[in-house]
Protein backbone atom coordinates (compact mmCIF):
# COMPACT_ATOMS: atom_id res chain seq x y z
CA MET A 1 -0.50 37.54 49.31
CA SER A 2 -1.90 34.87 51.62
CA SER A 3 -0.61 34.86 55.18
CA GLU A 4 -1.13 31.92 57.48
CA ALA A 5 -0.29 31.10 61.08
CA THR A 6 -0.06 27.49 62.17
CA SER A 7 -0.25 26.10 65.68
CA ASP A 8 0.33 22.64 67.12
CA GLU A 9 2.37 21.35 64.18
CA GLY A 10 -0.10 22.10 61.41
CA ALA A 11 -3.25 21.06 63.25
CA ASN A 12 -4.86 24.51 63.02
CA THR A 13 -4.21 26.96 60.19
CA ILE A 14 -5.57 30.47 60.45
CA GLN A 15 -5.93 32.68 57.39
CA LEU A 16 -4.46 35.92 58.70
CA ASP A 17 -5.69 37.99 55.74
CA ASN A 18 -9.28 37.29 56.80
CA LEU A 19 -8.81 38.74 60.31
CA SER A 20 -9.33 42.31 61.41
CA LEU A 21 -6.52 44.36 62.90
CA GLU A 22 -7.98 43.86 66.39
CA GLN A 23 -8.17 40.11 65.90
CA LEU A 24 -4.59 40.06 64.65
CA GLN A 25 -3.50 42.01 67.74
CA GLN A 26 -5.28 39.50 69.98
CA LEU A 27 -3.74 36.56 68.13
CA ARG A 28 -0.27 38.13 68.38
CA GLN A 29 -0.69 38.54 72.14
CA GLN A 30 -1.76 34.90 72.46
CA GLU A 31 1.21 33.68 70.43
CA GLU A 32 3.62 35.86 72.39
CA ALA A 33 2.24 34.49 75.67
CA ARG A 34 2.60 30.96 74.30
CA LEU A 35 6.16 31.76 73.23
CA GLN A 36 6.98 33.05 76.70
CA GLY A 37 5.58 29.89 78.31
CA LEU A 38 7.51 27.64 75.93
CA THR A 39 10.71 29.58 76.56
CA GLN A 40 10.28 29.25 80.33
CA ARG A 41 9.66 25.53 79.99
CA TYR A 42 12.77 25.21 77.84
CA GLY A 43 14.80 26.95 80.56
CA GLN A 44 13.42 24.52 83.13
CA LEU A 45 14.38 21.55 80.97
CA ARG A 46 17.91 22.92 80.50
CA ALA A 47 18.20 23.34 84.29
CA ALA A 48 17.02 19.74 84.76
CA ALA A 49 19.63 18.57 82.23
CA ALA A 50 22.32 20.43 84.19
CA ARG A 51 21.18 18.78 87.45
CA LEU A 52 21.26 15.33 85.83
CA SER A 53 24.74 15.99 84.48
CA ALA A 54 25.93 17.15 87.91
CA SER A 55 24.41 14.02 89.48
CA SER A 56 26.18 11.82 86.96
CA MET A 57 29.51 13.51 87.71
CA ALA A 58 28.89 13.09 91.45
CA VAL A 59 28.30 9.36 91.01
CA THR A 60 31.52 9.09 89.01
CA GLU A 61 33.46 10.93 91.72
CA LEU A 62 31.84 8.80 94.40
CA GLU A 63 32.98 5.63 92.63
CA GLN A 64 36.58 6.90 92.74
CA ALA A 65 36.47 7.99 96.40
CA THR A 66 37.83 5.73 99.11
CA GLN A 67 35.88 4.56 102.13
CA ASP A 68 36.12 6.94 105.11
CA SER A 69 36.89 9.89 102.79
CA THR A 70 35.71 13.19 104.21
CA VAL A 71 32.89 14.83 102.26
CA LEU A 72 30.58 17.81 102.73
CA VAL A 73 26.94 16.78 103.03
CA PRO A 74 24.41 19.46 101.99
CA LEU A 75 21.66 20.17 104.50
CA THR A 76 20.34 23.09 102.44
CA GLU A 77 21.59 24.90 99.34
CA SER A 78 23.97 26.95 101.47
CA LEU A 79 24.56 24.80 104.57
CA TYR A 80 26.89 21.78 104.62
CA VAL A 81 28.18 19.48 107.35
CA PRO A 82 31.27 17.27 107.16
CA GLY A 83 30.72 13.54 106.82
CA LYS A 84 32.63 10.32 106.14
CA LEU A 85 31.85 7.87 103.34
CA LYS A 86 30.72 4.45 104.38
CA PRO A 87 30.43 1.43 102.09
CA ARG A 88 28.94 2.79 98.89
CA ASP A 89 27.79 -0.31 97.05
CA LYS A 90 24.21 1.06 97.03
CA LEU A 91 22.99 4.59 96.33
CA LEU A 92 19.61 6.04 97.22
CA VAL A 93 18.12 7.48 94.02
CA GLU A 94 15.07 9.72 93.84
CA LEU A 95 12.76 8.28 91.20
CA GLY A 96 10.41 11.26 91.39
CA THR A 97 7.53 12.57 93.48
CA GLY A 98 9.08 11.47 96.76
CA TYR A 99 9.85 7.89 95.71
CA TYR A 100 13.36 6.53 96.25
CA ALA A 101 15.11 3.28 95.36
CA GLU A 102 18.46 1.74 96.20
CA LYS A 103 20.58 1.23 93.10
CA THR A 104 24.17 0.33 92.33
CA SER A 105 26.44 2.96 90.77
CA THR A 106 26.00 1.37 87.34
CA GLU A 107 22.20 1.27 87.69
CA THR A 108 22.24 4.87 88.87
CA GLN A 109 24.29 5.99 85.87
CA GLU A 110 21.92 4.14 83.50
CA PHE A 111 18.93 5.76 85.22
CA LEU A 112 20.49 9.23 84.89
CA GLU A 113 21.34 8.64 81.23
CA ARG A 114 17.73 7.57 80.50
CA LYS A 115 16.40 10.67 82.22
CA ALA A 116 18.90 12.85 80.33
CA ARG A 117 17.75 11.37 76.99
CA ILE A 118 14.12 12.11 77.88
CA VAL A 119 14.98 15.68 78.85
CA GLN A 120 16.96 16.13 75.62
CA ALA A 121 14.08 14.79 73.50
CA ASN A 122 11.66 17.15 75.25
CA SER A 123 14.09 20.04 74.75
CA ASP A 124 14.34 19.24 71.03
CA ASN A 125 10.54 19.17 70.71
CA LEU A 126 10.25 22.45 72.59
CA THR A 127 12.87 24.05 70.35
CA LYS A 128 10.75 23.14 67.31
CA ALA A 129 7.62 24.54 68.98
CA ILE A 130 9.47 27.76 69.88
CA GLN A 131 10.68 28.19 66.30
CA ALA A 132 7.17 27.59 64.91
CA THR A 133 5.68 30.08 67.37
CA GLN A 134 8.31 32.67 66.47
CA GLN A 135 7.42 32.21 62.80
CA ASN A 136 3.74 32.64 63.68
CA VAL A 137 4.46 35.90 65.50
CA GLN A 138 6.43 37.15 62.49
CA ALA A 139 3.61 36.18 60.10
CA ILE A 140 1.08 37.94 62.31
CA MET A 141 3.25 41.06 62.47
CA SER A 142 3.55 41.05 58.67
CA ALA A 143 -0.21 40.69 58.30
CA MET A 144 -0.73 43.55 60.76
CA GLN A 145 1.64 45.78 58.78
CA GLY A 146 -0.24 44.89 55.60
CA LYS A 147 -3.57 45.78 57.22
CA LEU A 148 -2.16 49.12 58.42
CA LEU A 149 -0.88 49.93 54.92
CA GLU A 150 -4.29 48.99 53.52
CA ILE A 151 -6.03 51.31 56.01
CA ARG A 152 -3.66 54.17 55.21
CA ALA A 153 -4.17 53.65 51.48
CA ARG A 154 -7.96 53.80 51.94
CA GLN A 155 -7.60 56.98 54.01
CA GLU A 156 -5.38 58.56 51.36
CA GLY A 157 -7.87 57.52 48.67
CA MET A 158 -10.68 59.14 50.62
CA ARG A 159 -8.65 62.35 50.98
CA TYR A 160 -7.89 62.33 47.28
CA LYS A 161 -11.57 61.82 46.43
CA GLN A 162 -12.60 64.62 48.79
CA GLY A 163 -9.95 66.92 47.29
CA ALA A 164 -11.03 66.06 43.73
CA THR A 165 -14.70 66.59 44.60
CA ALA A 166 -13.95 69.95 46.23
CA ALA A 167 -11.86 71.06 43.22
CA SER A 168 -14.59 70.15 40.72
CA GLU A 169 -17.19 72.13 42.68
CA THR A 170 -15.21 75.38 42.38
């Protein structure tokens, strides 16, 4: 039985049967740490997708609101002040890293849709990487179980030999 673990979409293949139990344990820990990092990144991407969706809904609601409508303006996550809408033909959109641009509602929606597609593509790629890493961990665990069975079989064989040798001496 030949066990293999693959990382980075087939770039590196490791023959698990050629590794010692200690090396397998180390490799399992590395893959589990990688899996944890990928899972955290996936959660961050899903949170970003939720924020983009909320932003898109806010733009839609803003388009439907009338001028001088009363709104709550967030100062922090838990502190809001009342405000009135002024002409809303331009929106201030954060492009990233502290850069902002004025855009129309249509341009803003297009920008948010582009960002959402990028986030979705990254999420899809991460999902594939998570699945591959999970398969690697399973393959490593199987190889470790095989090594343990092999060690136990050798120990049992040694006991049998010692018992047979002791019986023939008497």
